[in-house]
Amino acid sequence: MATKFRVTKEKILDGLQRVQNIVSTRTTLPILSNVLLQAGKDGLSLATTDLDVSVKCMVEGEVSKPGATTLPARKLFTILKELVASDIEIEVDEKNSASIRCGSSFYKIMGLPEDEFPRFPQIEGSKALVVEQ
C-alpha cells in the first residue's frame, strides 16, 4: 500500500536502533530482515521480529498518506545514518519501491509487501508492561 511521511533523522534513527537488534542477518525468510513501517494518524510505527521475539515502537512524524510497507532494516538504517539534513521524506509506491529524500540526497530501495510480514500475536486478558529502553 502506498504511503508518504516526513520524520526527523534523529527520531527515525532512534526508532530503528531500538527495533533492528533482533533482525537476523542470516534468515530463510527474507521478510524477517525487514522492518515493518506503518504510517497512520498517531505517527510512524516500526516493527521487527525473528519469529521468537517481536519489537515495536512509535516515532513521531508527519503522515501525508497513511499506509504500510516493509524495507530492509539494516540497509535503511545505514542510508539514514549517512544523511546530512535533519528532515527525511519517505514515499512508497504500490510496488513497495521507497524513495528517500533528504536535502539534495535521493535514494531508492525496494521493499516487500506488508501482508508478508508475520503478525504480532494478539494477547487478550493479560496485563501489559511498558519499559523504557
Protein backbone atom coordinates (compact mmCIF):
# COMPACT_ATOMS: atom_id res chain seq x y z
CA MET A 1 0.00 0.00 0.00
CA ALA A 2 1.38 3.40 -0.96
CA THR A 3 2.39 5.73 1.84
CA LYS A 4 4.16 9.05 2.37
CA PHE A 5 5.56 10.57 5.55
CA ARG A 6 8.16 13.00 6.88
CA VAL A 7 10.24 12.41 10.01
CA THR A 8 13.34 13.86 11.60
CA LYS A 9 16.58 11.94 11.20
CA GLU A 10 17.10 11.78 14.96
CA LYS A 11 13.68 10.25 15.71
CA ILE A 12 13.66 7.61 12.97
CA LEU A 13 17.25 6.55 13.72
CA ASP A 14 16.37 6.21 17.40
CA GLY A 15 13.36 4.06 16.50
CA LEU A 16 15.31 1.89 14.05
CA GLN A 17 18.07 1.40 16.58
CA ARG A 18 15.50 0.10 19.08
CA VAL A 19 13.96 -2.46 16.72
CA GLN A 20 16.82 -3.58 14.46
CA ASN A 21 18.74 -5.54 17.08
CA ILE A 22 16.63 -8.65 16.59
CA VAL A 23 16.86 -8.59 12.79
CA SER A 24 18.85 -11.61 11.71
CA THR A 25 21.49 -11.27 9.01
CA ARG A 26 21.01 -14.91 8.03
CA THR A 27 17.41 -16.00 7.67
CA THR A 28 15.47 -18.40 5.48
CA LEU A 29 12.61 -15.89 5.22
CA PRO A 30 13.70 -12.64 3.52
CA ILE A 31 10.84 -10.70 5.19
CA LEU A 32 12.48 -11.25 8.61
CA SER A 33 15.37 -8.96 7.63
CA ASN A 34 12.87 -6.14 7.01
CA VAL A 35 11.30 -3.56 9.29
CA LEU A 36 7.53 -3.05 9.06
CA LEU A 37 6.73 0.66 8.62
CA GLN A 38 3.12 1.64 9.31
CA ALA A 39 2.25 5.31 8.86
CA GLY A 40 -1.00 6.39 10.48
CA LYS A 41 -2.67 9.18 12.40
CA ASP A 42 -0.52 8.51 15.50
CA GLY A 43 2.76 8.74 13.59
CA LEU A 44 5.07 6.02 12.32
CA SER A 45 5.18 2.52 13.79
CA LEU A 46 8.35 0.45 13.35
CA ALA A 47 8.27 -3.32 13.98
CA THR A 48 10.67 -6.24 13.57
CA THR A 49 10.56 -9.91 14.50
CA ASP A 50 12.65 -13.06 14.34
CA LEU A 51 9.51 -15.17 14.99
CA ASP A 52 10.59 -15.71 18.62
CA VAL A 53 10.94 -12.08 19.70
CA SER A 54 8.99 -9.13 18.30
CA VAL A 55 9.72 -5.45 18.91
CA LYS A 56 7.56 -2.45 18.04
CA CYS A 57 7.97 1.27 18.68
CA MET A 58 6.31 4.53 17.65
CA VAL A 59 8.06 7.51 16.06
CA GLU A 60 6.59 11.00 15.76
CA GLY A 61 6.18 12.12 12.20
CA GLU A 62 4.01 13.99 9.72
CA VAL A 63 1.98 11.49 7.68
CA SER A 64 0.65 12.83 4.36
CA LYS A 65 -0.60 9.48 3.10
CA PRO A 66 -1.28 6.64 5.58
CA GLY A 67 -0.11 3.17 4.59
CA ALA A 68 2.41 0.43 5.30
CA THR A 69 5.34 -1.43 3.77
CA THR A 70 8.46 -3.33 4.80
CA LEU A 71 12.00 -2.22 3.97
CA PRO A 72 15.39 -3.87 4.62
CA ALA A 73 16.16 -2.79 8.20
CA ARG A 74 19.95 -2.63 8.14
CA LYS A 75 20.12 -1.03 4.67
CA LEU A 76 17.55 1.61 5.71
CA PHE A 77 19.48 2.36 8.92
CA THR A 78 22.77 2.69 7.01
CA ILE A 79 21.25 5.07 4.45
CA LEU A 80 19.52 7.26 7.04
CA LYS A 81 22.60 7.42 9.26
CA GLU A 82 24.68 8.90 6.41
CA LEU A 83 22.18 11.67 5.56
CA VAL A 84 23.26 15.22 6.42
CA ALA A 85 19.97 17.13 6.72
CA SER A 86 17.51 16.51 9.54
CA ASP A 87 14.14 16.24 7.72
CA ILE A 88 13.64 12.98 5.83
CA GLU A 89 10.75 12.31 3.46
CA ILE A 90 9.91 8.72 2.55
CA GLU A 91 7.39 7.88 -0.14
CA VAL A 92 6.48 4.29 -1.02
CA ASP A 93 4.53 3.35 -4.14
CA GLU A 94 2.19 0.39 -4.75
CA LYS A 95 5.15 -1.77 -5.85
CA ASN A 96 6.90 -1.21 -2.47
CA SER A 97 9.60 0.93 -4.02
CA ALA A 98 10.67 3.52 -1.43
CA SER A 99 12.00 6.94 -2.41
CA ILE A 100 14.00 8.58 0.37
CA ARG A 101 14.64 12.34 0.07
CA CYS A 102 16.70 14.45 2.40
CA GLY A 103 18.10 17.78 1.28
CA SER A 104 19.83 17.13 -2.06
CA SER A 105 20.16 13.38 -1.36
CA PHE A 106 17.88 10.83 -3.03
CA TYR A 107 17.78 7.05 -2.53
CA LYS A 108 15.51 4.36 -3.87
CA ILE A 109 15.23 0.94 -2.21
CA MET A 110 12.89 -1.97 -2.78
CA GLY A 111 10.77 -3.43 -0.03
CA LEU A 112 8.29 -6.26 0.38
CA PRO A 113 4.51 -6.05 0.87
CA GLU A 114 3.34 -5.58 4.46
CA ASP A 115 0.98 -8.58 4.24
CA GLU A 116 4.03 -10.90 4.06
CA PHE A 117 5.25 -9.66 7.46
CA PRO A 118 4.37 -12.04 10.33
CA ARG A 119 1.52 -10.74 12.50
CA PHE A 120 2.14 -9.88 16.12
CA PRO A 121 0.24 -12.20 18.46
CA GLN A 122 -2.93 -10.74 19.96
CA ILE A 123 -2.85 -11.13 23.71
CA GLU A 124 -6.22 -10.87 25.38
CA GLY A 125 -6.99 -10.56 29.06
CA SER A 126 -3.38 -10.05 30.10
CA LYS A 127 -1.59 -7.06 31.53
CA ALA A 128 0.91 -5.07 29.53
CA LEU A 129 4.13 -3.67 30.92
CA VAL A 130 5.81 -0.81 29.10
CA VAL A 131 9.50 -0.44 29.85
CA GLU A 132 11.71 2.42 28.68
CA GLN A 133 14.84 1.26 26.91
